[in-house]
Amino acid sequence: MFYEFERRAVAFLKRVEGMEPCASRQQAYDSLLRHWHAVESSYHDDKAYLDALLKKKMSEDNDWHCLDGDPCYWQSPKVPQLRIYIHDDGAIVIQRLGGSREGRILFASTSAQPAFHPPRPADAKEPIQGFASAVQSAATSKPEQSLSKM
């Protein structure tokens, strides 16, 4: 059974290698699910099983953890050495846990979201939050003002 899952996991990793970056957690999940469905389609003829696979939701019932956090992750109940992390911004990491290759990253994709968001309008009322926003704010203000903020 483990060998069969390993074969499918390798086929899955080959499929996601050229995957376009995603911009959200849901987009990343949907994309991974479509790739897994394609792999499973080459092993199964059962249309009901394959249709149900595409309708699976990201939930605790389907072995997803930390859904209120960033990242959330899926850990296979059959092969707990495999973990898939999905970040809120769409970044994905697939990791092998345990054994002689502790913490080995099998796949990683960045987010499709830009690292820096567009400049805030001058009339924005909410405070700047986070380091990236502070750096961006300093970079878009007058140079003499930005030096005093650093």
N, C-alpha and C. Protein backbone atom coordinates (compact mmCIF):
# COMPACT_ATOMS: atom_id res chain seq x y z
N MET A 1 0.82 -1.19 0.00
CA MET A 1 0.00 0.00 0.00
C MET A 1 0.87 1.26 0.00
N PHE A 2 1.90 1.30 0.82
CA PHE A 2 2.78 2.47 0.90
C PHE A 2 3.44 2.71 -0.46
N TYR A 3 3.89 1.64 -1.11
CA TYR A 3 4.54 1.78 -2.40
C TYR A 3 3.59 2.39 -3.42
N GLU A 4 2.34 1.95 -3.41
CA GLU A 4 1.35 2.48 -4.34
C GLU A 4 1.14 3.98 -4.11
N PHE A 5 1.04 4.39 -2.85
CA PHE A 5 0.86 5.80 -2.54
C PHE A 5 2.10 6.59 -2.98
N GLU A 6 3.28 6.02 -2.77
CA GLU A 6 4.52 6.69 -3.19
C GLU A 6 4.52 6.92 -4.70
N ARG A 7 4.09 5.93 -5.46
CA ARG A 7 4.03 6.08 -6.93
C ARG A 7 3.09 7.22 -7.30
N ARG A 8 1.95 7.27 -6.65
CA ARG A 8 0.99 8.34 -6.94
C ARG A 8 1.53 9.69 -6.50
N ALA A 9 2.21 9.71 -5.36
CA ALA A 9 2.78 10.96 -4.87
C ALA A 9 3.83 11.49 -5.84
N VAL A 10 4.65 10.62 -6.38
CA VAL A 10 5.67 11.02 -7.35
C VAL A 10 4.99 11.57 -8.61
N ALA A 11 3.94 10.89 -9.08
CA ALA A 11 3.21 11.36 -10.26
C ALA A 11 2.59 12.74 -9.98
N PHE A 12 2.08 12.92 -8.78
CA PHE A 12 1.49 14.20 -8.38
C PHE A 12 2.56 15.29 -8.38
N LEU A 13 3.70 15.02 -7.79
CA LEU A 13 4.78 16.01 -7.74
C LEU A 13 5.24 16.40 -9.15
N LYS A 14 5.28 15.45 -10.05
CA LYS A 14 5.66 15.76 -11.43
C LYS A 14 4.62 16.68 -12.08
N ARG A 15 3.36 16.46 -11.76
CA ARG A 15 2.29 17.30 -12.32
C ARG A 15 2.35 18.73 -11.79
N VAL A 16 2.61 18.89 -10.50
CA VAL A 16 2.58 20.24 -9.91
C VAL A 16 3.86 21.03 -10.15
N GLU A 17 4.89 20.36 -10.66
CA GLU A 17 6.17 21.04 -10.90
C GLU A 17 6.03 22.31 -11.72
N GLY A 18 5.21 22.29 -12.74
CA GLY A 18 5.05 23.46 -13.61
C GLY A 18 3.83 24.30 -13.28
N MET A 19 3.29 24.10 -12.10
CA MET A 19 2.07 24.79 -11.70
C MET A 19 2.30 26.30 -11.59
N GLU A 20 1.35 27.05 -12.08
CA GLU A 20 1.40 28.51 -11.96
C GLU A 20 1.17 28.90 -10.49
N PRO A 21 1.81 29.95 -10.01
CA PRO A 21 1.57 30.41 -8.64
C PRO A 21 0.11 30.80 -8.44
N CYS A 22 -0.38 30.60 -7.25
CA CYS A 22 -1.77 30.91 -6.90
C CYS A 22 -1.81 32.18 -6.04
N ALA A 23 -2.95 32.84 -6.03
CA ALA A 23 -3.08 34.11 -5.31
C ALA A 23 -3.85 33.99 -4.00
N SER A 24 -4.38 32.80 -3.71
CA SER A 24 -5.14 32.63 -2.48
C SER A 24 -5.09 31.18 -2.02
N ARG A 25 -5.46 30.98 -0.78
CA ARG A 25 -5.51 29.63 -0.21
C ARG A 25 -6.47 28.76 -1.02
N GLN A 26 -7.65 29.29 -1.31
CA GLN A 26 -8.66 28.50 -2.03
C GLN A 26 -8.20 28.16 -3.44
N GLN A 27 -7.58 29.11 -4.13
CA GLN A 27 -7.08 28.85 -5.47
C GLN A 27 -6.01 27.76 -5.44
N ALA A 28 -5.13 27.82 -4.46
CA ALA A 28 -4.08 26.80 -4.33
C ALA A 28 -4.70 25.43 -4.06
N TYR A 29 -5.67 25.39 -3.16
CA TYR A 29 -6.34 24.12 -2.85
C TYR A 29 -7.02 23.54 -4.09
N ASP A 30 -7.77 24.38 -4.80
CA ASP A 30 -8.47 23.92 -5.99
C ASP A 30 -7.49 23.40 -7.05
N SER A 31 -6.39 24.09 -7.21
CA SER A 31 -5.39 23.66 -8.19
C SER A 31 -4.77 22.32 -7.80
N LEU A 32 -4.39 22.19 -6.53
CA LEU A 32 -3.82 20.91 -6.06
C LEU A 32 -4.83 19.78 -6.21
N LEU A 33 -6.08 20.05 -5.91
CA LEU A 33 -7.12 19.03 -6.03
C LEU A 33 -7.29 18.59 -7.49
N ARG A 34 -7.26 19.52 -8.42
CA ARG A 34 -7.36 19.16 -9.84
C ARG A 34 -6.19 18.29 -10.27
N HIS A 35 -4.99 18.62 -9.78
CA HIS A 35 -3.81 17.81 -10.14
C HIS A 35 -3.92 16.41 -9.53
N TRP A 36 -4.37 16.32 -8.29
CA TRP A 36 -4.53 15.01 -7.65
C TRP A 36 -5.60 14.20 -8.38
N HIS A 37 -6.68 14.86 -8.79
CA HIS A 37 -7.74 14.19 -9.54
C HIS A 37 -7.19 13.61 -10.84
N ALA A 38 -6.34 14.36 -11.53
CA ALA A 38 -5.74 13.87 -12.78
C ALA A 38 -4.89 12.64 -12.52
N VAL A 39 -4.14 12.64 -11.42
CA VAL A 39 -3.32 11.47 -11.08
C VAL A 39 -4.23 10.28 -10.76
N GLU A 40 -5.21 10.50 -9.93
CA GLU A 40 -6.13 9.42 -9.54
C GLU A 40 -6.91 8.88 -10.74
N SER A 41 -7.18 9.71 -11.72
CA SER A 41 -7.91 9.28 -12.91
C SER A 41 -7.15 8.22 -13.69
N SER A 42 -5.83 8.23 -13.57
CA SER A 42 -5.06 7.21 -14.27
C SER A 42 -5.01 5.89 -13.50
N TYR A 43 -5.53 5.86 -12.27
CA TYR A 43 -5.55 4.65 -11.46
C TYR A 43 -6.95 4.10 -11.23
N HIS A 44 -7.98 4.95 -11.45
CA HIS A 44 -9.36 4.55 -11.14
C HIS A 44 -10.27 4.74 -12.35
N ASP A 45 -11.24 3.84 -12.47
CA ASP A 45 -12.30 3.99 -13.47
C ASP A 45 -13.60 4.44 -12.81
N ASP A 46 -13.64 4.40 -11.49
CA ASP A 46 -14.85 4.67 -10.73
C ASP A 46 -15.21 6.16 -10.81
N LYS A 47 -16.18 6.47 -11.67
CA LYS A 47 -16.58 7.87 -11.89
C LYS A 47 -17.11 8.51 -10.61
N ALA A 48 -17.85 7.76 -9.81
CA ALA A 48 -18.40 8.32 -8.57
C ALA A 48 -17.27 8.73 -7.62
N TYR A 49 -16.24 7.89 -7.51
CA TYR A 49 -15.08 8.20 -6.67
C TYR A 49 -14.38 9.46 -7.17
N LEU A 50 -14.16 9.54 -8.47
CA LEU A 50 -13.45 10.68 -9.05
C LEU A 50 -14.27 11.97 -8.93
N ASP A 51 -15.58 11.88 -9.13
CA ASP A 51 -16.44 13.06 -8.96
C ASP A 51 -16.42 13.53 -7.51
N ALA A 52 -16.50 12.59 -6.58
CA ALA A 52 -16.49 12.93 -5.15
C ALA A 52 -15.15 13.58 -4.76
N LEU A 53 -14.08 13.12 -5.36
CA LEU A 53 -12.76 13.68 -5.08
C LEU A 53 -12.72 15.18 -5.40
N LEU A 54 -13.29 15.56 -6.53
CA LEU A 54 -13.30 16.98 -6.92
C LEU A 54 -14.18 17.83 -6.03
N LYS A 55 -15.10 17.21 -5.31
CA LYS A 55 -16.02 17.96 -4.44
C LYS A 55 -15.54 18.04 -3.00
N LYS A 56 -14.39 17.43 -2.70
CA LYS A 56 -13.88 17.47 -1.33
C LYS A 56 -13.57 18.90 -0.93
N LYS A 57 -13.94 19.23 0.28
CA LYS A 57 -13.71 20.57 0.82
C LYS A 57 -12.48 20.54 1.73
N MET A 58 -11.88 21.68 1.87
CA MET A 58 -10.77 21.82 2.80
C MET A 58 -11.39 21.92 4.20
N SER A 59 -11.34 20.80 4.94
CA SER A 59 -11.98 20.76 6.25
C SER A 59 -11.23 19.78 7.15
N GLU A 60 -11.51 19.87 8.44
CA GLU A 60 -10.90 18.94 9.39
C GLU A 60 -11.32 17.50 9.09
N ASP A 61 -12.55 17.32 8.61
CA ASP A 61 -13.03 15.98 8.25
C ASP A 61 -12.20 15.35 7.14
N ASN A 62 -11.57 16.19 6.33
CA ASN A 62 -10.73 15.71 5.22
C ASN A 62 -9.23 15.86 5.54
N ASP A 63 -8.91 15.80 6.84
CA ASP A 63 -7.53 15.77 7.33
C ASP A 63 -6.75 17.08 7.14
N TRP A 64 -7.47 18.21 7.08
CA TRP A 64 -6.82 19.51 7.06
C TRP A 64 -6.74 20.04 8.48
N HIS A 65 -5.62 20.64 8.82
CA HIS A 65 -5.36 21.12 10.17
C HIS A 65 -5.02 22.61 10.14
N CYS A 66 -5.21 23.27 11.28
CA CYS A 66 -4.88 24.70 11.45
C CYS A 66 -5.59 25.57 10.42
N LEU A 67 -6.84 25.29 10.17
CA LEU A 67 -7.59 26.04 9.16
C LEU A 67 -7.80 27.50 9.55
N ASP A 68 -7.67 27.81 10.83
CA ASP A 68 -7.78 29.20 11.27
C ASP A 68 -6.43 29.90 11.25
N GLY A 69 -5.37 29.17 10.95
CA GLY A 69 -4.02 29.73 10.95
C GLY A 69 -3.48 29.90 9.54
N ASP A 70 -2.28 30.40 9.48
CA ASP A 70 -1.58 30.56 8.21
C ASP A 70 -0.15 30.09 8.38
N PRO A 71 0.25 28.99 7.81
CA PRO A 71 -0.49 28.18 6.83
C PRO A 71 -1.36 27.12 7.51
N CYS A 72 -2.28 26.59 6.72
CA CYS A 72 -2.98 25.39 7.15
C CYS A 72 -2.24 24.22 6.49
N TYR A 73 -2.53 23.01 6.92
CA TYR A 73 -1.83 21.88 6.30
C TYR A 73 -2.70 20.63 6.27
N TRP A 74 -2.37 19.77 5.30
CA TRP A 74 -3.00 18.47 5.16
C TRP A 74 -1.93 17.43 5.46
N GLN A 75 -2.32 16.46 6.28
CA GLN A 75 -1.39 15.38 6.58
C GLN A 75 -2.11 14.08 6.30
N SER A 76 -1.52 13.26 5.47
CA SER A 76 -2.14 12.01 5.08
C SER A 76 -2.29 11.08 6.28
N PRO A 77 -3.50 10.57 6.52
CA PRO A 77 -3.67 9.60 7.60
C PRO A 77 -3.03 8.25 7.25
N LYS A 78 -2.90 7.97 5.96
CA LYS A 78 -2.30 6.70 5.51
C LYS A 78 -0.78 6.78 5.50
N VAL A 79 -0.25 7.93 5.14
CA VAL A 79 1.19 8.14 5.06
C VAL A 79 1.51 9.45 5.76
N PRO A 80 1.60 9.43 7.11
CA PRO A 80 1.76 10.68 7.87
C PRO A 80 3.09 11.39 7.63
N GLN A 81 3.98 10.78 6.88
CA GLN A 81 5.26 11.45 6.57
C GLN A 81 5.09 12.55 5.52
N LEU A 82 3.93 12.62 4.89
CA LEU A 82 3.69 13.62 3.85
C LEU A 82 2.79 14.72 4.39
N ARG A 83 3.21 15.95 4.21
CA ARG A 83 2.43 17.09 4.67
C ARG A 83 2.42 18.16 3.58
N ILE A 84 1.24 18.73 3.34
CA ILE A 84 1.08 19.80 2.36
C ILE A 84 0.62 21.05 3.11
N TYR A 85 1.39 22.12 2.98
CA TYR A 85 1.05 23.40 3.59
C TYR A 85 0.50 24.33 2.51
N ILE A 86 -0.56 25.04 2.84
CA ILE A 86 -1.07 26.08 1.94
C ILE A 86 -1.19 27.37 2.76
N HIS A 87 -0.53 28.40 2.26
CA HIS A 87 -0.57 29.71 2.92
C HIS A 87 -1.76 30.51 2.41
N ASP A 88 -2.19 31.49 3.19
CA ASP A 88 -3.32 32.34 2.80
C ASP A 88 -3.08 33.04 1.46
N ASP A 89 -1.83 33.38 1.17
CA ASP A 89 -1.53 34.10 -0.07
C ASP A 89 -1.37 33.18 -1.28
N GLY A 90 -1.59 31.86 -1.08
CA GLY A 90 -1.52 30.91 -2.19
C GLY A 90 -0.21 30.15 -2.32
N ALA A 91 0.78 30.49 -1.50
CA ALA A 91 2.04 29.75 -1.53
C ALA A 91 1.80 28.32 -1.03
N ILE A 92 2.54 27.37 -1.61
CA ILE A 92 2.38 25.95 -1.29
C ILE A 92 3.74 25.35 -0.97
N VAL A 93 3.76 24.48 0.05
CA VAL A 93 4.96 23.72 0.38
C VAL A 93 4.53 22.27 0.62
N ILE A 94 5.22 21.34 -0.02
CA ILE A 94 4.98 19.91 0.22
C ILE A 94 6.25 19.37 0.85
N GLN A 95 6.08 18.74 2.00
CA GLN A 95 7.23 18.33 2.81
C GLN A 95 7.12 16.87 3.21
N ARG A 96 8.27 16.20 3.23
CA ARG A 96 8.36 14.85 3.77
C ARG A 96 8.91 14.96 5.18
N LEU A 97 8.21 14.37 6.13
CA LEU A 97 8.61 14.41 7.54
C LEU A 97 9.21 13.08 7.95
N GLY A 98 10.08 13.13 8.95
CA GLY A 98 10.61 11.91 9.55
C GLY A 98 11.62 11.17 8.69
N GLY A 99 12.07 10.03 9.22
CA GLY A 99 13.03 9.21 8.50
C GLY A 99 14.39 9.88 8.41
N SER A 100 15.18 9.41 7.47
CA SER A 100 16.54 9.93 7.32
C SER A 100 16.57 11.27 6.59
N ARG A 101 15.46 11.69 6.05
CA ARG A 101 15.39 12.95 5.31
C ARG A 101 14.48 13.94 6.03
N GLU A 102 14.70 14.12 7.29
CA GLU A 102 13.87 14.99 8.14
C GLU A 102 13.71 16.37 7.51
N GLY A 103 12.47 16.77 7.37
CA GLY A 103 12.18 18.11 6.90
C GLY A 103 12.49 18.36 5.44
N ARG A 104 12.54 17.35 4.63
CA ARG A 104 12.89 17.54 3.22
C ARG A 104 11.72 18.18 2.47
N ILE A 105 11.99 19.28 1.81
CA ILE A 105 11.00 19.97 1.00
C ILE A 105 10.96 19.29 -0.37
N LEU A 106 9.78 18.79 -0.74
CA LEU A 106 9.61 18.11 -2.02
C LEU A 106 9.15 19.06 -3.11
N PHE A 107 8.42 20.09 -2.71
CA PHE A 107 7.89 21.07 -3.67
C PHE A 107 7.60 22.36 -2.92
N ALA A 108 7.83 23.47 -3.58
CA ALA A 108 7.46 24.77 -3.01
C ALA A 108 7.13 25.71 -4.15
N SER A 109 6.06 26.46 -3.98
CA SER A 109 5.72 27.49 -4.95
C SER A 109 5.42 28.77 -4.20
N THR A 110 5.77 29.87 -4.82
CA THR A 110 5.51 31.16 -4.20
C THR A 110 4.10 31.60 -4.53
N SER A 111 3.69 32.65 -3.91
CA SER A 111 2.37 33.23 -4.15
C SER A 111 2.38 34.03 -5.45
N ALA A 112 1.21 34.16 -6.05
CA ALA A 112 1.07 35.01 -7.22
C ALA A 112 0.87 36.46 -6.80
N GLN A 113 0.66 36.69 -5.50
CA GLN A 113 0.48 38.06 -5.01
C GLN A 113 1.82 38.78 -5.01
N PRO A 114 1.82 40.07 -5.33
CA PRO A 114 3.08 40.82 -5.28
C PRO A 114 3.57 40.94 -3.84
N ALA A 115 4.88 40.99 -3.68
CA ALA A 115 5.46 41.09 -2.34
C ALA A 115 5.05 42.39 -1.67
N PHE A 116 4.99 43.45 -2.44
CA PHE A 116 4.55 44.74 -1.91
C PHE A 116 3.25 45.11 -2.59
N HIS A 117 2.33 45.55 -1.82
CA HIS A 117 1.05 45.97 -2.35
C HIS A 117 1.17 47.38 -2.90
N PRO A 118 0.25 47.81 -3.78
CA PRO A 118 0.34 49.16 -4.33
C PRO A 118 0.28 50.21 -3.22
N PRO A 119 0.85 51.38 -3.47
CA PRO A 119 0.86 52.42 -2.43
C PRO A 119 -0.56 52.72 -1.95
N ARG A 120 -0.65 53.03 -0.66
CA ARG A 120 -1.94 53.37 -0.06
C ARG A 120 -2.34 54.77 -0.49
N PRO A 121 -3.64 54.98 -0.67
CA PRO A 121 -4.08 56.34 -0.97
C PRO A 121 -3.77 57.26 0.21
N ALA A 122 -3.53 58.54 -0.08
CA ALA A 122 -3.17 59.50 0.96
C ALA A 122 -4.27 59.66 2.01
N ASP A 123 -5.51 59.41 1.61
CA ASP A 123 -6.62 59.59 2.56
C ASP A 123 -6.97 58.30 3.32
N ALA A 124 -6.16 57.27 3.21
CA ALA A 124 -6.44 56.00 3.92
C ALA A 124 -6.38 56.25 5.42
N LYS A 125 -7.35 55.70 6.14
CA LYS A 125 -7.46 55.96 7.58
C LYS A 125 -6.87 54.85 8.45
N GLU A 126 -6.79 53.62 7.93
CA GLU A 126 -6.28 52.53 8.77
C GLU A 126 -4.76 52.65 8.90
N PRO A 127 -4.22 52.25 10.04
CA PRO A 127 -2.77 52.37 10.25
C PRO A 127 -2.00 51.35 9.40
N ILE A 128 -0.77 51.71 9.10
CA ILE A 128 0.11 50.78 8.38
C ILE A 128 0.47 49.66 9.33
N GLN A 129 0.36 48.42 8.83
CA GLN A 129 0.69 47.27 9.67
C GLN A 129 1.76 46.45 8.98
N GLY A 130 2.68 45.94 9.75
CA GLY A 130 3.69 45.03 9.23
C GLY A 130 4.90 45.74 8.68
N PHE A 131 5.99 45.00 8.65
CA PHE A 131 7.27 45.51 8.20
C PHE A 131 7.25 45.91 6.73
N ALA A 132 6.67 45.04 5.86
CA ALA A 132 6.65 45.33 4.43
C ALA A 132 5.89 46.62 4.14
N SER A 133 4.78 46.83 4.82
CA SER A 133 4.01 48.05 4.62
C SER A 133 4.79 49.27 5.09
N ALA A 134 5.50 49.15 6.20
CA ALA A 134 6.29 50.26 6.72
C ALA A 134 7.41 50.62 5.75
N VAL A 135 8.08 49.61 5.20
CA VAL A 135 9.16 49.86 4.24
C VAL A 135 8.60 50.51 2.99
N GLN A 136 7.46 49.99 2.52
CA GLN A 136 6.86 50.56 1.32
C GLN A 136 6.45 52.00 1.56
N SER A 137 5.88 52.29 2.70
CA SER A 137 5.46 53.65 3.03
C SER A 137 6.68 54.57 3.05
N ALA A 138 7.76 54.10 3.65
CA ALA A 138 8.97 54.91 3.71
C ALA A 138 9.54 55.14 2.31
N ALA A 139 9.46 54.13 1.45
CA ALA A 139 10.03 54.23 0.11
C ALA A 139 9.22 55.16 -0.78
N THR A 140 7.92 55.30 -0.52
CA THR A 140 7.08 56.14 -1.38
C THR A 140 6.96 57.57 -0.85
N SER A 141 7.50 57.85 0.35
CA SER A 141 7.47 59.21 0.87
C SER A 141 8.73 59.95 0.42
N LYS A 142 8.85 61.20 0.81
CA LYS A 142 10.02 61.98 0.43
C LYS A 142 11.27 61.38 1.07
N PRO A 143 12.38 61.32 0.35
CA PRO A 143 13.59 60.66 0.88
C PRO A 143 14.03 61.20 2.23
N GLU A 144 13.99 62.53 2.44
CA GLU A 144 14.45 63.07 3.72
C GLU A 144 13.54 62.64 4.86
N GLN A 145 12.26 62.43 4.58
CA GLN A 145 11.33 61.96 5.62
C GLN A 145 11.55 60.48 5.91
N SER A 146 11.85 59.70 4.87
CA SER A 146 11.98 58.25 5.06
C SER A 146 13.21 57.91 5.90
N LEU A 147 14.27 58.73 5.78
CA LEU A 147 15.47 58.45 6.57
C LEU A 147 15.19 58.61 8.06
N SER A 148 14.33 59.54 8.40
CA SER A 148 14.04 59.76 9.83
C SER A 148 13.18 58.62 10.40
N LYS A 149 12.55 57.83 9.56
CA LYS A 149 11.70 56.73 10.03
C LYS A 149 12.52 55.46 10.25
N MET A 150 13.74 55.43 9.77
CA MET A 150 14.51 54.19 9.85
C MET A 150 15.38 54.15 11.07
